[in-house]
Amino acid sequence: MTAPIRSFVVRIYRRHGRAGIDGVVEDVKTGRSRPFHSIAELWDALRGARRSLGRKDAPSLPPAD
């Protein structure tokens, strides 16, 4: 049995050198989003999406400088 395909929107607002990024992952199906502040947090958000992506009304990040 294969797992269903999940769709996400990943918005990257800011980069900080090689490993630092800020953004939001949104689950297309549920509309829930989760902010991230590093590549590791982005990966955790995508891997953990099966459990829960967090609040639907995640705060937006300020525009990049």
C-alpha atoms as a PDB file:
ATOM      1  CA  MET A   1       0.000   0.000   0.000  1.00  0.00           C
ATOM      2  CA  THR A   2       1.420   3.392  -0.945  1.00  0.00           C
ATOM      3  CA  ALA A   3       1.136   6.511   1.163  1.00  0.00           C
ATOM      4  CA  PRO A   4      -0.904   9.379  -0.274  1.00  0.00           C
ATOM      5  CA  ILE A   5       1.028  12.230  -1.839  1.00  0.00           C
ATOM      6  CA  ARG A   6       1.023  15.419   0.238  1.00  0.00           C
ATOM      7  CA  SER A   7       1.419  18.909  -1.215  1.00  0.00           C
ATOM      8  CA  PHE A   8       3.093  21.838   0.517  1.00  0.00           C
ATOM      9  CA  VAL A   9       3.851  25.457  -0.266  1.00  0.00           C
ATOM     10  CA  VAL A  10       7.259  26.535   1.033  1.00  0.00           C
ATOM     11  CA  ARG A  11       7.852  30.279   1.270  1.00  0.00           C
ATOM     12  CA  ILE A  12      11.399  31.417   1.976  1.00  0.00           C
ATOM     13  CA  TYR A  13      11.570  35.024   3.112  1.00  0.00           C
ATOM     14  CA  ARG A  14      15.196  35.478   4.076  1.00  0.00           C
ATOM     15  CA  ARG A  15      18.551  33.719   3.782  1.00  0.00           C
ATOM     16  CA  HIS A  16      21.322  33.969   6.375  1.00  0.00           C
ATOM     17  CA  GLY A  17      24.475  32.524   4.893  1.00  0.00           C
ATOM     18  CA  ARG A  18      24.787  28.837   4.103  1.00  0.00           C
ATOM     19  CA  ALA A  19      22.417  27.226   6.625  1.00  0.00           C
ATOM     20  CA  GLY A  20      20.125  30.000   7.795  1.00  0.00           C
ATOM     21  CA  ILE A  21      16.742  30.679   6.217  1.00  0.00           C
ATOM     22  CA  ASP A  22      13.410  32.000   7.445  1.00  0.00           C
ATOM     23  CA  GLY A  23      10.073  31.027   5.988  1.00  0.00           C
ATOM     24  CA  VAL A  24       6.785  29.175   6.307  1.00  0.00           C
ATOM     25  CA  VAL A  25       5.618  25.696   5.244  1.00  0.00           C
ATOM     26  CA  GLU A  26       1.912  25.454   4.399  1.00  0.00           C
ATOM     27  CA  ASP A  27      -0.031  22.197   4.034  1.00  0.00           C
ATOM     28  CA  VAL A  28      -2.160  22.695   0.914  1.00  0.00           C
ATOM     29  CA  LYS A  29      -4.866  20.283   2.060  1.00  0.00           C
ATOM     30  CA  THR A  30      -5.436  21.717   5.542  1.00  0.00           C
ATOM     31  CA  GLY A  31      -4.221  25.282   5.077  1.00  0.00           C
ATOM     32  CA  ARG A  32      -2.174  24.977   8.267  1.00  0.00           C
ATOM     33  CA  SER A  33       1.259  26.564   8.302  1.00  0.00           C
ATOM     34  CA  ARG A  34       4.413  26.372  10.368  1.00  0.00           C
ATOM     35  CA  PRO A  35       7.270  28.879  10.441  1.00  0.00           C
ATOM     36  CA  PHE A  36      10.893  27.716  10.220  1.00  0.00           C
ATOM     37  CA  HIS A  37      14.194  29.476  10.899  1.00  0.00           C
ATOM     38  CA  SER A  38      16.770  26.991   9.592  1.00  0.00           C
ATOM     39  CA  ILE A  39      17.119  24.207   7.062  1.00  0.00           C
ATOM     40  CA  ALA A  40      16.804  21.683   9.905  1.00  0.00           C
ATOM     41  CA  GLU A  41      13.495  23.232  11.021  1.00  0.00           C
ATOM     42  CA  LEU A  42      12.261  23.225   7.404  1.00  0.00           C
ATOM     43  CA  TRP A  43      13.060  19.528   7.109  1.00  0.00           C
ATOM     44  CA  ASP A  44      11.386  18.825  10.478  1.00  0.00           C
ATOM     45  CA  ALA A  45       8.276  20.711   9.337  1.00  0.00           C
ATOM     46  CA  LEU A  46       8.062  18.622   6.171  1.00  0.00           C
ATOM     47  CA  ARG A  47       8.783  15.305   7.910  1.00  0.00           C
ATOM     48  CA  GLY A  48       6.460  16.046  10.812  1.00  0.00           C
ATOM     49  CA  ALA A  49       3.645  17.264   8.590  1.00  0.00           C
ATOM     50  CA  ARG A  50       1.897  13.912   8.948  1.00  0.00           C
ATOM     51  CA  ARG A  51       1.421  14.634  12.635  1.00  0.00           C
ATOM     52  CA  SER A  52       0.513  18.323  12.514  1.00  0.00           C
ATOM     53  CA  LEU A  53       1.811  21.456  10.869  1.00  0.00           C
ATOM     54  CA  GLY A  54       0.805  23.774  13.674  1.00  0.00           C
ATOM     55  CA  ARG A  55      -1.485  26.763  13.791  1.00  0.00           C
ATOM     56  CA  LYS A  56      -3.493  27.797  10.774  1.00  0.00           C
ATOM     57  CA  ASP A  57      -2.803  31.446  11.548  1.00  0.00           C
ATOM     58  CA  ALA A  58       0.978  31.324  11.858  1.00  0.00           C
ATOM     59  CA  PRO A  59       2.444  34.803  12.122  1.00  0.00           C
ATOM     60  CA  SER A  60       3.834  36.273   8.939  1.00  0.00           C
ATOM     61  CA  LEU A  61       7.469  37.222   8.825  1.00  0.00           C
ATOM     62  CA  PRO A  62       8.605  40.770   8.056  1.00  0.00           C
ATOM     63  CA  PRO A  63       9.860  41.453   4.517  1.00  0.00           C
ATOM     64  CA  ALA A  64      13.535  40.781   3.790  1.00  0.00           C
ATOM     65  CA  ASP A  65      15.955  43.697   3.959  1.00  0.00           C
END
